[in-house]
Amino acid sequence: MAVCAVCGKNEAGYNCTKCGVPTCVECTKEAYIQETGPWCMSVGVPVSQIWAGEKYVKVCPKCFQEAELL
């Protein structure tokens, strides 16, 4: 069983989506991000009905501070 890399106390239940560090439930942050790319003409205006370019990701506190959040 992996131990949380942030607090070092609890069992890790998630891996950071960005850097892959194992984190526990208490240390994991959920971020709402909007990706831009060829499927999106501008922010908030999706080209595709299937993929809007918006998603929730589970990240560690370090990556949560560095992320571009809406």
PDB file of N, CA and C in Angstrom:
ATOM      1  N   MET A   1       0.832  -1.182   0.000  1.00  0.00           N
ATOM      2  CA  MET A   1       0.000   0.000   0.000  1.00  0.00           C
ATOM      3  C   MET A   1       0.879   1.248   0.000  1.00  0.00           C
ATOM      4  N   ALA A   2       0.511   2.196  -0.826  1.00  0.00           N
ATOM      5  CA  ALA A   2       1.271   3.440  -0.927  1.00  0.00           C
ATOM      6  C   ALA A   2       0.823   4.419   0.150  1.00  0.00           C
ATOM      7  N   VAL A   3       1.763   5.210   0.604  1.00  0.00           N
ATOM      8  CA  VAL A   3       1.496   6.235   1.602  1.00  0.00           C
ATOM      9  C   VAL A   3       1.441   7.581   0.883  1.00  0.00           C
ATOM     10  N   CYS A   4       0.601   8.465   1.378  1.00  0.00           N
ATOM     11  CA  CYS A   4       0.453   9.800   0.789  1.00  0.00           C
ATOM     12  C   CYS A   4       1.794  10.526   0.807  1.00  0.00           C
ATOM     13  N   ALA A   5       2.188  11.080  -0.340  1.00  0.00           N
ATOM     14  CA  ALA A   5       3.459  11.791  -0.449  1.00  0.00           C
ATOM     15  C   ALA A   5       3.383  13.202   0.128  1.00  0.00           C
ATOM     16  N   VAL A   6       2.174  13.719   0.354  1.00  0.00           N
ATOM     17  CA  VAL A   6       2.019  15.081   0.872  1.00  0.00           C
ATOM     18  C   VAL A   6       2.086  15.096   2.390  1.00  0.00           C
ATOM     19  N   CYS A   7       1.230  14.307   3.041  1.00  0.00           N
ATOM     20  CA  CYS A   7       1.201  14.314   4.515  1.00  0.00           C
ATOM     21  C   CYS A   7       2.027  13.182   5.121  1.00  0.00           C
ATOM     22  N   GLY A   8       2.189  12.087   4.406  1.00  0.00           N
ATOM     23  CA  GLY A   8       2.982  10.966   4.897  1.00  0.00           C
ATOM     24  C   GLY A   8       2.296  10.121   5.951  1.00  0.00           C
ATOM     25  N   LYS A   9       1.017  10.353   6.213  1.00  0.00           N
ATOM     26  CA  LYS A   9       0.306   9.640   7.273  1.00  0.00           C
ATOM     27  C   LYS A   9      -0.707   8.638   6.740  1.00  0.00           C
ATOM     28  N   ASN A  10      -1.510   9.066   5.808  1.00  0.00           N
ATOM     29  CA  ASN A  10      -2.642   8.265   5.343  1.00  0.00           C
ATOM     30  C   ASN A  10      -2.287   7.431   4.121  1.00  0.00           C
ATOM     31  N   GLU A  11      -3.140   6.452   3.850  1.00  0.00           N
ATOM     32  CA  GLU A  11      -2.984   5.613   2.663  1.00  0.00           C
ATOM     33  C   GLU A  11      -3.398   6.411   1.423  1.00  0.00           C
ATOM     34  N   ALA A  12      -2.606   6.312   0.383  1.00  0.00           N
ATOM     35  CA  ALA A  12      -2.886   7.035  -0.858  1.00  0.00           C
ATOM     36  C   ALA A  12      -4.035   6.372  -1.604  1.00  0.00           C
ATOM     37  N   GLY A  13      -4.990   7.179  -2.015  1.00  0.00           N
ATOM     38  CA  GLY A  13      -6.123   6.670  -2.756  1.00  0.00           C
ATOM     39  C   GLY A  13      -6.158   7.168  -4.190  1.00  0.00           C
ATOM     40  N   TYR A  14      -5.429   8.248  -4.456  1.00  0.00           N
ATOM     41  CA  TYR A  14      -5.417   8.863  -5.782  1.00  0.00           C
ATOM     42  C   TYR A  14      -3.986   9.158  -6.194  1.00  0.00           C
ATOM     43  N   ASN A  15      -3.799   9.361  -7.470  1.00  0.00           N
ATOM     44  CA  ASN A  15      -2.538   9.874  -8.003  1.00  0.00           C
ATOM     45  C   ASN A  15      -2.839  11.221  -8.631  1.00  0.00           C
ATOM     46  N   CYS A  16      -1.950  12.175  -8.439  1.00  0.00           N
ATOM     47  CA  CYS A  16      -2.111  13.494  -9.030  1.00  0.00           C
ATOM     48  C   CYS A  16      -2.167  13.353 -10.549  1.00  0.00           C
ATOM     49  N   THR A  17      -3.144  13.973 -11.171  1.00  0.00           N
ATOM     50  CA  THR A  17      -3.317  13.892 -12.613  1.00  0.00           C
ATOM     51  C   THR A  17      -2.146  14.534 -13.350  1.00  0.00           C
ATOM     52  N   LYS A  18      -1.562  15.562 -12.764  1.00  0.00           N
ATOM     53  CA  LYS A  18      -0.500  16.297 -13.441  1.00  0.00           C
ATOM     54  C   LYS A  18       0.885  15.682 -13.217  1.00  0.00           C
ATOM     55  N   CYS A  19       1.269  15.448 -11.960  1.00  0.00           N
ATOM     56  CA  CYS A  19       2.633  14.973 -11.682  1.00  0.00           C
ATOM     57  C   CYS A  19       2.704  13.507 -11.262  1.00  0.00           C
ATOM     58  N   GLY A  20       1.584  12.875 -10.920  1.00  0.00           N
ATOM     59  CA  GLY A  20       1.567  11.455 -10.587  1.00  0.00           C
ATOM     60  C   GLY A  20       1.898  11.112  -9.151  1.00  0.00           C
ATOM     61  N   VAL A  21       2.024  12.098  -8.276  1.00  0.00           N
ATOM     62  CA  VAL A  21       2.345  11.858  -6.870  1.00  0.00           C
ATOM     63  C   VAL A  21       1.146  11.208  -6.182  1.00  0.00           C
ATOM     64  N   PRO A  22       1.345  10.151  -5.380  1.00  0.00           N
ATOM     65  CA  PRO A  22       0.224   9.543  -4.665  1.00  0.00           C
ATOM     66  C   PRO A  22      -0.259  10.442  -3.533  1.00  0.00           C
ATOM     67  N   THR A  23      -1.581  10.652  -3.465  1.00  0.00           N
ATOM     68  CA  THR A  23      -2.166  11.503  -2.433  1.00  0.00           C
ATOM     69  C   THR A  23      -3.335  10.800  -1.770  1.00  0.00           C
ATOM     70  N   CYS A  24      -3.614  11.187  -0.530  1.00  0.00           N
ATOM     71  CA  CYS A  24      -4.751  10.623   0.202  1.00  0.00           C
ATOM     72  C   CYS A  24      -5.996  11.462  -0.078  1.00  0.00           C
ATOM     73  N   VAL A  25      -7.119  11.047   0.460  1.00  0.00           N
ATOM     74  CA  VAL A  25      -8.391  11.728   0.232  1.00  0.00           C
ATOM     75  C   VAL A  25      -8.353  13.143   0.812  1.00  0.00           C
ATOM     76  N   GLU A  26      -7.742  13.326   1.986  1.00  0.00           N
ATOM     77  CA  GLU A  26      -7.699  14.632   2.629  1.00  0.00           C
ATOM     78  C   GLU A  26      -6.799  15.628   1.887  1.00  0.00           C
ATOM     79  N   CYS A  27      -5.731  15.154   1.274  1.00  0.00           N
ATOM     80  CA  CYS A  27      -4.782  16.041   0.604  1.00  0.00           C
ATOM     81  C   CYS A  27      -5.124  16.299  -0.864  1.00  0.00           C
ATOM     82  N   THR A  28      -5.982  15.491  -1.446  1.00  0.00           N
ATOM     83  CA  THR A  28      -6.327  15.620  -2.861  1.00  0.00           C
ATOM     84  C   THR A  28      -7.238  16.822  -3.073  1.00  0.00           C
ATOM     85  N   LYS A  29      -6.915  17.634  -4.051  1.00  0.00           N
ATOM     86  CA  LYS A  29      -7.734  18.785  -4.435  1.00  0.00           C
ATOM     87  C   LYS A  29      -8.393  18.476  -5.774  1.00  0.00           C
ATOM     88  N   GLU A  30      -9.627  18.910  -5.940  1.00  0.00           N
ATOM     89  CA  GLU A  30     -10.317  18.713  -7.203  1.00  0.00           C
ATOM     90  C   GLU A  30     -10.392  20.053  -7.918  1.00  0.00           C
ATOM     91  N   ALA A  31      -9.869  20.103  -9.133  1.00  0.00           N
ATOM     92  CA  ALA A  31      -9.826  21.339  -9.897  1.00  0.00           C
ATOM     93  C   ALA A  31     -10.671  21.205 -11.147  1.00  0.00           C
ATOM     94  N   TYR A  32     -11.383  22.269 -11.476  1.00  0.00           N
ATOM     95  CA  TYR A  32     -12.182  22.338 -12.704  1.00  0.00           C
ATOM     96  C   TYR A  32     -11.354  23.114 -13.711  1.00  0.00           C
ATOM     97  N   ILE A  33     -10.973  22.460 -14.792  1.00  0.00           N
ATOM     98  CA  ILE A  33     -10.143  23.121 -15.792  1.00  0.00           C
ATOM     99  C   ILE A  33     -10.829  23.088 -17.147  1.00  0.00           C
ATOM    100  N   GLN A  34     -10.443  24.015 -17.981  1.00  0.00           N
ATOM    101  CA  GLN A  34     -10.957  24.052 -19.334  1.00  0.00           C
ATOM    102  C   GLN A  34      -9.765  24.031 -20.276  1.00  0.00           C
ATOM    103  N   GLU A  35      -9.706  22.989 -21.090  1.00  0.00           N
ATOM    104  CA  GLU A  35      -8.605  22.845 -22.021  1.00  0.00           C
ATOM    105  C   GLU A  35      -8.940  23.573 -23.312  1.00  0.00           C
ATOM    106  N   THR A  36      -7.925  24.100 -23.948  1.00  0.00           N
ATOM    107  CA  THR A  36      -8.121  24.704 -25.255  1.00  0.00           C
ATOM    108  C   THR A  36      -7.348  23.893 -26.273  1.00  0.00           C
ATOM    109  N   GLY A  37      -7.877  23.771 -27.439  1.00  0.00           N
ATOM    110  CA  GLY A  37      -7.233  22.985 -28.481  1.00  0.00           C
ATOM    111  C   GLY A  37      -8.054  23.055 -29.753  1.00  0.00           C
ATOM    112  N   PRO A  38      -7.777  22.187 -30.685  1.00  0.00           N
ATOM    113  CA  PRO A  38      -8.483  22.239 -31.966  1.00  0.00           C
ATOM    114  C   PRO A  38      -9.984  21.980 -31.861  1.00  0.00           C
ATOM    115  N   TRP A  39     -10.440  21.347 -30.789  1.00  0.00           N
ATOM    116  CA  TRP A  39     -11.853  21.049 -30.636  1.00  0.00           C
ATOM    117  C   TRP A  39     -12.633  22.242 -30.080  1.00  0.00           C
ATOM    118  N   CYS A  40     -11.946  23.304 -29.658  1.00  0.00           N
ATOM    119  CA  CYS A  40     -12.607  24.432 -29.025  1.00  0.00           C
ATOM    120  C   CYS A  40     -12.251  25.720 -29.765  1.00  0.00           C
ATOM    121  N   MET A  41     -13.257  26.405 -30.314  1.00  0.00           N
ATOM    122  CA  MET A  41     -13.001  27.642 -31.056  1.00  0.00           C
ATOM    123  C   MET A  41     -12.534  28.752 -30.120  1.00  0.00           C
ATOM    124  N   SER A  42     -13.196  28.909 -29.004  1.00  0.00           N
ATOM    125  CA  SER A  42     -12.812  29.885 -27.997  1.00  0.00           C
ATOM    126  C   SER A  42     -13.249  29.357 -26.648  1.00  0.00           C
ATOM    127  N   VAL A  43     -12.850  30.008 -25.592  1.00  0.00           N
ATOM    128  CA  VAL A  43     -13.164  29.531 -24.252  1.00  0.00           C
ATOM    129  C   VAL A  43     -14.676  29.478 -24.053  1.00  0.00           C
ATOM    130  N   GLY A  44     -15.171  28.329 -23.695  1.00  0.00           N
ATOM    131  CA  GLY A  44     -16.587  28.143 -23.417  1.00  0.00           C
ATOM    132  C   GLY A  44     -17.457  27.879 -24.624  1.00  0.00           C
ATOM    133  N   VAL A  45     -16.913  27.882 -25.839  1.00  0.00           N
ATOM    134  CA  VAL A  45     -17.697  27.627 -27.046  1.00  0.00           C
ATOM    135  C   VAL A  45     -17.174  26.354 -27.694  1.00  0.00           C
ATOM    136  N   PRO A  46     -17.733  25.207 -27.343  1.00  0.00           N
ATOM    137  CA  PRO A  46     -17.229  23.951 -27.892  1.00  0.00           C
ATOM    138  C   PRO A  46     -17.618  23.744 -29.354  1.00  0.00           C
ATOM    139  N   VAL A  47     -16.719  23.143 -30.097  1.00  0.00           N
ATOM    140  CA  VAL A  47     -16.988  22.792 -31.484  1.00  0.00           C
ATOM    141  C   VAL A  47     -17.731  21.462 -31.540  1.00  0.00           C
ATOM    142  N   SER A  48     -17.322  20.541 -30.676  1.00  0.00           N
ATOM    143  CA  SER A  48     -17.881  19.199 -30.677  1.00  0.00           C
ATOM    144  C   SER A  48     -18.909  19.047 -29.563  1.00  0.00           C
ATOM    145  N   GLN A  49     -19.991  18.361 -29.853  1.00  0.00           N
ATOM    146  CA  GLN A  49     -20.999  18.058 -28.832  1.00  0.00           C
ATOM    147  C   GLN A  49     -20.523  16.943 -27.902  1.00  0.00           C
ATOM    148  N   ILE A  50     -19.576  16.146 -28.363  1.00  0.00           N
ATOM    149  CA  ILE A  50     -19.086  15.010 -27.585  1.00  0.00           C
ATOM    150  C   ILE A  50     -18.042  15.461 -26.562  1.00  0.00           C
ATOM    151  N   TRP A  51     -17.132  16.341 -26.964  1.00  0.00           N
ATOM    152  CA  TRP A  51     -16.028  16.753 -26.100  1.00  0.00           C
ATOM    153  C   TRP A  51     -16.058  18.256 -25.943  1.00  0.00           C
ATOM    154  N   ALA A  52     -16.386  18.744 -24.770  1.00  0.00           N
ATOM    155  CA  ALA A  52     -16.493  20.179 -24.529  1.00  0.00           C
ATOM    156  C   ALA A  52     -15.173  20.797 -24.092  1.00  0.00           C
ATOM    157  N   GLY A  53     -14.198  19.976 -23.706  1.00  0.00           N
ATOM    158  CA  GLY A  53     -12.920  20.500 -23.271  1.00  0.00           C
ATOM    159  C   GLY A  53     -12.896  20.928 -21.820  1.00  0.00           C
ATOM    160  N   GLU A  54     -13.918  20.588 -21.062  1.00  0.00           N
ATOM    161  CA  GLU A  54     -13.990  20.926 -19.652  1.00  0.00           C
ATOM    162  C   GLU A  54     -13.979  19.639 -18.842  1.00  0.00           C
ATOM    163  N   LYS A  55     -13.239  19.637 -17.739  1.00  0.00           N
ATOM    164  CA  LYS A  55     -13.198  18.423 -16.923  1.00  0.00           C
ATOM    165  C   LYS A  55     -12.746  18.731 -15.509  1.00  0.00           C
ATOM    166  N   TYR A  56     -13.026  17.801 -14.610  1.00  0.00           N
ATOM    167  CA  TYR A  56     -12.550  17.864 -13.241  1.00  0.00           C
ATOM    168  C   TYR A  56     -11.336  16.945 -13.128  1.00  0.00           C
ATOM    169  N   VAL A  57     -10.280  17.421 -12.482  1.00  0.00           N
ATOM    170  CA  VAL A  57      -9.093  16.606 -12.279  1.00  0.00           C
ATOM    171  C   VAL A  57      -8.744  16.607 -10.796  1.00  0.00           C
ATOM    172  N   LYS A  58      -8.123  15.515 -10.346  1.00  0.00           N
ATOM    173  CA  LYS A  58      -7.680  15.406  -8.963  1.00  0.00           C
ATOM    174  C   LYS A  58      -6.177  15.636  -8.947  1.00  0.00           C
ATOM    175  N   VAL A  59      -5.752  16.663  -8.214  1.00  0.00           N
ATOM    176  CA  VAL A  59      -4.352  17.054  -8.193  1.00  0.00           C
ATOM    177  C   VAL A  59      -3.864  17.225  -6.757  1.00  0.00           C
ATOM    178  N   CYS A  60      -2.538  17.231  -6.595  1.00  0.00           N
ATOM    179  CA  CYS A  60      -1.929  17.469  -5.288  1.00  0.00           C
ATOM    180  C   CYS A  60      -1.987  18.974  -4.990  1.00  0.00           C
ATOM    181  N   PRO A  61      -1.785  19.389  -3.741  1.00  0.00           N
ATOM    182  CA  PRO A  61      -1.852  20.815  -3.408  1.00  0.00           C
ATOM    183  C   PRO A  61      -0.848  21.675  -4.179  1.00  0.00           C
ATOM    184  N   LYS A  62       0.333  21.155  -4.479  1.00  0.00           N
ATOM    185  CA  LYS A  62       1.348  21.910  -5.230  1.00  0.00           C
ATOM    186  C   LYS A  62       0.858  22.206  -6.642  1.00  0.00           C
ATOM    187  N   CYS A  63       0.359  21.194  -7.335  1.00  0.00           N
ATOM    188  CA  CYS A  63      -0.143  21.367  -8.693  1.00  0.00           C
ATOM    189  C   CYS A  63      -1.423  22.194  -8.709  1.00  0.00           C
ATOM    190  N   PHE A  64      -2.202  22.150  -7.628  1.00  0.00           N
ATOM    191  CA  PHE A  64      -3.432  22.935  -7.523  1.00  0.00           C
ATOM    192  C   PHE A  64      -3.109  24.420  -7.543  1.00  0.00           C
ATOM    193  N   GLN A  65      -2.035  24.821  -6.889  1.00  0.00           N
ATOM    194  CA  GLN A  65      -1.626  26.216  -6.877  1.00  0.00           C
ATOM    195  C   GLN A  65      -1.085  26.673  -8.222  1.00  0.00           C
ATOM    196  N   GLU A  66      -0.436  25.757  -8.957  1.00  0.00           N
ATOM    197  CA  GLU A  66       0.188  26.096 -10.232  1.00  0.00           C
ATOM    198  C   GLU A  66      -0.787  26.033 -11.404  1.00  0.00           C
ATOM    199  N   ALA A  67      -1.926  25.375 -11.237  1.00  0.00           N
ATOM    200  CA  ALA A  67      -2.840  25.135 -12.362  1.00  0.00           C
ATOM    201  C   ALA A  67      -3.565  26.407 -12.774  1.00  0.00           C
ATOM    202  N   GLU A  68      -3.921  26.459 -14.054  1.00  0.00           N
ATOM    203  CA  GLU A  68      -4.791  27.528 -14.541  1.00  0.00           C
ATOM    204  C   GLU A  68      -6.210  27.098 -14.270  1.00  0.00           C
ATOM    205  N   LEU A  69      -6.851  27.750 -13.336  1.00  0.00           N
ATOM    206  CA  LEU A  69      -8.200  27.371 -12.934  1.00  0.00           C
ATOM    207  C   LEU A  69      -9.194  28.392 -13.432  1.00  0.00           C
ATOM    208  N   LEU A  70     -10.408  27.929 -13.666  1.00  0.00           N
ATOM    209  CA  LEU A  70     -11.474  28.851 -14.078  1.00  0.00           C
ATOM    210  C   LEU A  70     -12.040  29.546 -12.867  1.00  0.00           C
TER     211      LEU A  70
END
